[in-house]
C-alpha cells in the first residue's frame, strides 16, 4: 500500500505550519517556518468566526502595530501579519522551552538567584510593553515562556500571547513580553 505524505499546511504565500502547539478561546498557535528557512516561528491564528468580526480584526491590527513598535530583547518580536481567505494570523518569535508554570511544576521551588534572574527579565519585558502604551492584563506563569538556551541551568522568561491580544513571554536573549 502506498502512503503519501500529508500536504503541507500553508499560511499566506511563504509560511508553512508544521504543528499545532496550542489552542485557546480566540484561536490556535502553530510552530512553523518561512518557506526558504528552517528558523522556527510561532504563528497565532485567530479563529475564523472572530476573523470576520470588524471590531476584533481592528483590535488585532492595533495590537500588531503596537507590538511592532516595541524593540526590546525582553519582548517577543512580531515579524508579520497574514490576512488571507478569512484567515488572520501573527508571525512571531518561537520560544522552545515551555512556560514558567511548567518550570515550577517540574523543578518545584526555584532558587532565589533564579527567581531574581527571571523576575528582573520579566519586569524588563513588561516595562517595555508598558512604555509602548500596552497594559498586559493577564500576567501569570503560564504566559511567561522560557528559553532554555539563554542561560544554562537558569532559563530566561519570555511572554506568550493569544490572538488578538499577545501576552508577555521570555525569549532567546532575555525575558520577553508581548502586549
C-alpha atoms as a PDB file:
ATOM      1  CA  UNK A   1       0.000   0.000   0.000  1.00  0.00           C
ATOM      2  CA  UNK A   2       1.358   3.413  -0.954  1.00  0.00           C
ATOM      3  CA  UNK A   3       1.437   6.053   1.758  1.00  0.00           C
ATOM      4  CA  UNK A   4       1.536   9.652   0.647  1.00  0.00           C
ATOM      5  CA  UNK A   5       2.773  12.416   2.936  1.00  0.00           C
ATOM      6  CA  UNK A   6       0.178  14.887   4.106  1.00  0.00           C
ATOM      7  CA  UNK A   7       0.279  18.117   2.136  1.00  0.00           C
ATOM      8  CA  UNK A   8       1.961  20.940   3.971  1.00  0.00           C
ATOM      9  CA  UNK A   9      -0.384  23.357   5.647  1.00  0.00           C
ATOM     10  CA  UNK A  10       0.434  26.821   4.376  1.00  0.00           C
ATOM     11  CA  UNK A  11      -0.243  30.270   5.728  1.00  0.00           C
ATOM     12  CA  UNK A  12      -0.104  33.017   3.151  1.00  0.00           C
ATOM     13  CA  UNK A  13       2.321  32.584   0.297  1.00  0.00           C
ATOM     14  CA  UNK A  14       5.567  31.995   2.218  1.00  0.00           C
ATOM     15  CA  UNK A  15       4.818  30.275   5.542  1.00  0.00           C
ATOM     16  CA  UNK A  16       4.497  26.581   6.352  1.00  0.00           C
ATOM     17  CA  UNK A  17       2.711  25.454   9.518  1.00  0.00           C
ATOM     18  CA  UNK A  18       4.428  22.352  10.875  1.00  0.00           C
ATOM     19  CA  UNK A  19       2.447  21.522  14.018  1.00  0.00           C
ATOM     20  CA  UNK A  20      -0.229  22.972  16.266  1.00  0.00           C
ATOM     21  CA  UNK A  21       1.331  23.651  19.660  1.00  0.00           C
ATOM     22  CA  UNK A  22      -1.548  25.302  21.496  1.00  0.00           C
ATOM     23  CA  UNK A  23      -5.108  26.489  21.380  1.00  0.00           C
ATOM     24  CA  UNK A  24      -7.263  28.894  23.291  1.00  0.00           C
ATOM     25  CA  UNK A  25     -10.538  30.727  23.258  1.00  0.00           C
ATOM     26  CA  UNK A  26      -9.505  33.055  20.444  1.00  0.00           C
ATOM     27  CA  UNK A  27      -7.507  30.741  18.211  1.00  0.00           C
ATOM     28  CA  UNK A  28      -4.583  28.378  17.776  1.00  0.00           C
ATOM     29  CA  UNK A  29      -0.809  28.629  17.974  1.00  0.00           C
ATOM     30  CA  UNK A  30       1.381  26.804  15.479  1.00  0.00           C
ATOM     31  CA  UNK A  31       5.072  26.136  15.108  1.00  0.00           C
ATOM     32  CA  UNK A  32       6.294  26.555  11.561  1.00  0.00           C
ATOM     33  CA  UNK A  33       8.781  28.320   9.355  1.00  0.00           C
ATOM     34  CA  UNK A  34       9.205  30.526   6.339  1.00  0.00           C
ATOM     35  CA  UNK A  35       9.433  28.512   3.133  1.00  0.00           C
ATOM     36  CA  UNK A  36      13.077  29.473   2.457  1.00  0.00           C
ATOM     37  CA  UNK A  37      14.252  28.983   6.064  1.00  0.00           C
ATOM     38  CA  UNK A  38      14.303  26.352   8.783  1.00  0.00           C
ATOM     39  CA  UNK A  39      14.265  29.033  11.533  1.00  0.00           C
ATOM     40  CA  UNK A  40      11.235  28.145  13.677  1.00  0.00           C
ATOM     41  CA  UNK A  41       8.499  30.734  14.060  1.00  0.00           C
ATOM     42  CA  UNK A  42       5.288  30.886  16.082  1.00  0.00           C
ATOM     43  CA  UNK A  43       2.003  31.589  14.327  1.00  0.00           C
ATOM     44  CA  UNK A  44      -1.021  32.878  16.236  1.00  0.00           C
ATOM     45  CA  UNK A  45      -4.096  32.165  14.129  1.00  0.00           C
ATOM     46  CA  UNK A  46      -7.368  33.872  15.039  1.00  0.00           C
ATOM     47  CA  UNK A  47     -10.499  31.707  14.891  1.00  0.00           C
ATOM     48  CA  UNK A  48     -12.304  32.182  11.567  1.00  0.00           C
ATOM     49  CA  UNK A  49     -15.521  33.365  13.203  1.00  0.00           C
ATOM     50  CA  UNK A  50     -13.579  36.052  15.096  1.00  0.00           C
ATOM     51  CA  UNK A  51     -11.581  36.979  11.994  1.00  0.00           C
ATOM     52  CA  UNK A  52     -14.842  38.084  10.378  1.00  0.00           C
ATOM     53  CA  UNK A  53     -15.775  40.483  13.203  1.00  0.00           C
ATOM     54  CA  UNK A  54     -14.611  44.019  12.306  1.00  0.00           C
ATOM     55  CA  UNK A  55     -14.037  45.086  15.935  1.00  0.00           C
ATOM     56  CA  UNK A  56     -11.898  42.019  16.660  1.00  0.00           C
ATOM     57  CA  UNK A  57      -9.909  42.488  13.458  1.00  0.00           C
ATOM     58  CA  UNK A  58      -9.342  46.179  14.258  1.00  0.00           C
ATOM     59  CA  UNK A  59      -8.118  45.295  17.768  1.00  0.00           C
ATOM     60  CA  UNK A  60      -5.859  42.578  16.327  1.00  0.00           C
ATOM     61  CA  UNK A  61      -4.313  45.018  13.843  1.00  0.00           C
ATOM     62  CA  UNK A  62      -3.854  47.719  16.516  1.00  0.00           C
ATOM     63  CA  UNK A  63      -2.097  45.230  18.802  1.00  0.00           C
ATOM     64  CA  UNK A  64       0.195  44.176  15.984  1.00  0.00           C
ATOM     65  CA  UNK A  65       1.167  47.780  15.255  1.00  0.00           C
ATOM     66  CA  UNK A  66       1.774  48.439  18.945  1.00  0.00           C
ATOM     67  CA  UNK A  67       3.923  45.320  19.303  1.00  0.00           C
ATOM     68  CA  UNK A  68       5.983  46.211  16.242  1.00  0.00           C
ATOM     69  CA  UNK A  69       6.980  49.466  17.990  1.00  0.00           C
ATOM     70  CA  UNK A  70       8.479  47.572  20.929  1.00  0.00           C
ATOM     71  CA  UNK A  71      12.192  46.980  20.460  1.00  0.00           C
ATOM     72  CA  UNK A  72      13.393  45.070  23.483  1.00  0.00           C
ATOM     73  CA  UNK A  73      15.310  41.841  23.864  1.00  0.00           C
ATOM     74  CA  UNK A  74      12.735  41.080  26.560  1.00  0.00           C
ATOM     75  CA  UNK A  75       9.748  41.103  24.205  1.00  0.00           C
ATOM     76  CA  UNK A  76       8.757  38.611  21.541  1.00  0.00           C
ATOM     77  CA  UNK A  77       9.110  40.174  18.137  1.00  0.00           C
ATOM     78  CA  UNK A  78       6.181  40.262  15.739  1.00  0.00           C
ATOM     79  CA  UNK A  79       7.558  39.687  12.244  1.00  0.00           C
ATOM     80  CA  UNK A  80       4.499  39.740  10.019  1.00  0.00           C
ATOM     81  CA  UNK A  81       0.741  39.573   9.808  1.00  0.00           C
ATOM     82  CA  UNK A  82      -1.122  37.357   7.351  1.00  0.00           C
ATOM     83  CA  UNK A  83      -4.663  38.092   6.225  1.00  0.00           C
ATOM     84  CA  UNK A  84      -5.828  35.717   3.513  1.00  0.00           C
ATOM     85  CA  UNK A  85      -9.052  33.884   2.649  1.00  0.00           C
ATOM     86  CA  UNK A  86     -10.687  34.529   6.008  1.00  0.00           C
ATOM     87  CA  UNK A  87      -7.554  33.648   7.983  1.00  0.00           C
ATOM     88  CA  UNK A  88      -5.837  36.221  10.181  1.00  0.00           C
ATOM     89  CA  UNK A  89      -2.561  35.415  11.894  1.00  0.00           C
ATOM     90  CA  UNK A  90       0.515  36.908  13.500  1.00  0.00           C
ATOM     91  CA  UNK A  91       4.014  35.616  12.772  1.00  0.00           C
ATOM     92  CA  UNK A  92       6.211  35.872  15.860  1.00  0.00           C
ATOM     93  CA  UNK A  93       9.372  34.576  17.508  1.00  0.00           C
ATOM     94  CA  UNK A  94       9.203  30.936  18.543  1.00  0.00           C
ATOM     95  CA  UNK A  95      10.443  30.035  22.035  1.00  0.00           C
ATOM     96  CA  UNK A  96      11.192  26.360  22.641  1.00  0.00           C
ATOM     97  CA  UNK A  97      11.219  25.867  26.382  1.00  0.00           C
ATOM     98  CA  UNK A  98       7.756  25.652  27.852  1.00  0.00           C
ATOM     99  CA  UNK A  99       6.443  28.235  30.244  1.00  0.00           C
ATOM    100  CA  UNK A 100       7.198  29.339  33.790  1.00  0.00           C
ATOM    101  CA  UNK A 101       4.291  27.258  35.091  1.00  0.00           C
ATOM    102  CA  UNK A 102       5.899  24.119  33.552  1.00  0.00           C
ATOM    103  CA  UNK A 103       9.286  25.059  35.020  1.00  0.00           C
ATOM    104  CA  UNK A 104       7.866  25.454  38.532  1.00  0.00           C
ATOM    105  CA  UNK A 105       5.953  22.181  38.262  1.00  0.00           C
ATOM    106  CA  UNK A 106       8.991  20.256  37.057  1.00  0.00           C
ATOM    107  CA  UNK A 107      11.542  21.745  39.470  1.00  0.00           C
ATOM    108  CA  UNK A 108       9.432  22.711  42.459  1.00  0.00           C
ATOM    109  CA  UNK A 109      10.520  25.769  44.398  1.00  0.00           C
ATOM    110  CA  UNK A 110      13.059  27.788  42.419  1.00  0.00           C
ATOM    111  CA  UNK A 111      16.305  29.024  43.909  1.00  0.00           C
ATOM    112  CA  UNK A 112      16.355  32.700  44.977  1.00  0.00           C
ATOM    113  CA  UNK A 113      19.012  33.562  42.377  1.00  0.00           C
ATOM    114  CA  UNK A 114      16.891  32.082  39.579  1.00  0.00           C
ATOM    115  CA  UNK A 115      13.794  33.882  40.858  1.00  0.00           C
ATOM    116  CA  UNK A 116      15.710  37.181  40.870  1.00  0.00           C
ATOM    117  CA  UNK A 117      17.094  36.499  37.378  1.00  0.00           C
ATOM    118  CA  UNK A 118      13.715  35.582  35.905  1.00  0.00           C
ATOM    119  CA  UNK A 119      11.914  38.375  37.761  1.00  0.00           C
ATOM    120  CA  UNK A 120      14.304  41.058  36.509  1.00  0.00           C
ATOM    121  CA  UNK A 121      13.887  39.896  32.916  1.00  0.00           C
ATOM    122  CA  UNK A 122      10.116  39.609  33.179  1.00  0.00           C
ATOM    123  CA  UNK A 123       9.948  43.114  34.684  1.00  0.00           C
ATOM    124  CA  UNK A 124      12.117  44.480  31.862  1.00  0.00           C
ATOM    125  CA  UNK A 125       9.794  42.944  29.264  1.00  0.00           C
ATOM    126  CA  UNK A 126       6.645  44.180  30.946  1.00  0.00           C
ATOM    127  CA  UNK A 127       8.264  47.622  31.319  1.00  0.00           C
ATOM    128  CA  UNK A 128       8.991  47.771  27.583  1.00  0.00           C
ATOM    129  CA  UNK A 129       5.426  46.760  26.786  1.00  0.00           C
ATOM    130  CA  UNK A 130       4.020  49.348  29.200  1.00  0.00           C
ATOM    131  CA  UNK A 131       6.284  52.047  27.731  1.00  0.00           C
ATOM    132  CA  UNK A 132       4.697  51.292  24.340  1.00  0.00           C
ATOM    133  CA  UNK A 133       1.280  52.019  25.828  1.00  0.00           C
ATOM    134  CA  UNK A 134       0.097  48.444  26.368  1.00  0.00           C
ATOM    135  CA  UNK A 135      -1.353  47.181  29.626  1.00  0.00           C
ATOM    136  CA  UNK A 136      -0.921  43.399  29.645  1.00  0.00           C
ATOM    137  CA  UNK A 137      -3.793  42.406  31.911  1.00  0.00           C
ATOM    138  CA  UNK A 138      -3.045  38.662  32.134  1.00  0.00           C
ATOM    139  CA  UNK A 139       0.408  38.162  33.599  1.00  0.00           C
ATOM    140  CA  UNK A 140       0.742  34.672  35.071  1.00  0.00           C
ATOM    141  CA  UNK A 141       3.316  31.841  34.975  1.00  0.00           C
ATOM    142  CA  UNK A 142       1.549  30.109  32.064  1.00  0.00           C
ATOM    143  CA  UNK A 143       2.045  33.268  29.968  1.00  0.00           C
ATOM    144  CA  UNK A 144       5.783  33.552  30.612  1.00  0.00           C
ATOM    145  CA  UNK A 145       7.667  31.433  28.062  1.00  0.00           C
ATOM    146  CA  UNK A 146      11.094  30.046  28.900  1.00  0.00           C
ATOM    147  CA  UNK A 147      14.026  29.873  26.508  1.00  0.00           C
ATOM    148  CA  UNK A 148      16.424  27.234  27.850  1.00  0.00           C
ATOM    149  CA  UNK A 149      19.234  28.324  25.504  1.00  0.00           C
ATOM    150  CA  UNK A 150      19.803  31.699  27.154  1.00  0.00           C
ATOM    151  CA  UNK A 151      21.326  30.724  30.477  1.00  0.00           C
ATOM    152  CA  UNK A 152      22.208  27.100  31.194  1.00  0.00           C
ATOM    153  CA  UNK A 153      20.515  25.981  34.378  1.00  0.00           C
ATOM    154  CA  UNK A 154      18.567  29.228  34.640  1.00  0.00           C
ATOM    155  CA  UNK A 155      16.375  29.671  31.557  1.00  0.00           C
ATOM    156  CA  UNK A 156      15.152  33.121  30.661  1.00  0.00           C
ATOM    157  CA  UNK A 157      11.462  34.045  30.618  1.00  0.00           C
ATOM    158  CA  UNK A 158       9.529  35.265  27.578  1.00  0.00           C
ATOM    159  CA  UNK A 159       5.978  36.464  27.071  1.00  0.00           C
ATOM    160  CA  UNK A 160       3.280  34.439  25.342  1.00  0.00           C
ATOM    161  CA  UNK A 161       0.311  35.821  23.504  1.00  0.00           C
ATOM    162  CA  UNK A 162      -3.042  34.649  22.277  1.00  0.00           C
ATOM    163  CA  UNK A 163      -4.820  36.254  19.351  1.00  0.00           C
ATOM    164  CA  UNK A 164      -5.667  39.027  19.246  1.00  0.00           C
ATOM    165  CA  UNK A 165      -4.033  40.287  22.444  1.00  0.00           C
ATOM    166  CA  UNK A 166      -0.483  38.987  22.876  1.00  0.00           C
ATOM    167  CA  UNK A 167       0.809  38.412  26.410  1.00  0.00           C
ATOM    168  CA  UNK A 168       4.332  38.729  27.917  1.00  0.00           C
ATOM    169  CA  UNK A 169       6.845  35.905  27.442  1.00  0.00           C
ATOM    170  CA  UNK A 170      10.646  35.411  27.710  1.00  0.00           C
ATOM    171  CA  UNK A 171      12.797  34.927  24.695  1.00  0.00           C
ATOM    172  CA  UNK A 172      16.193  33.955  23.408  1.00  0.00           C
ATOM    173  CA  UNK A 173      18.109  36.845  24.905  1.00  0.00           C
ATOM    174  CA  UNK A 174      16.086  37.723  27.984  1.00  0.00           C
ATOM    175  CA  UNK A 175      12.586  37.652  29.352  1.00  0.00           C
ATOM    176  CA  UNK A 176      10.394  38.863  26.575  1.00  0.00           C
ATOM    177  CA  UNK A 177       6.827  40.052  26.639  1.00  0.00           C
ATOM    178  CA  UNK A 178       4.172  40.673  24.046  1.00  0.00           C
ATOM    179  CA  UNK A 179       1.350  43.127  24.585  1.00  0.00           C
END
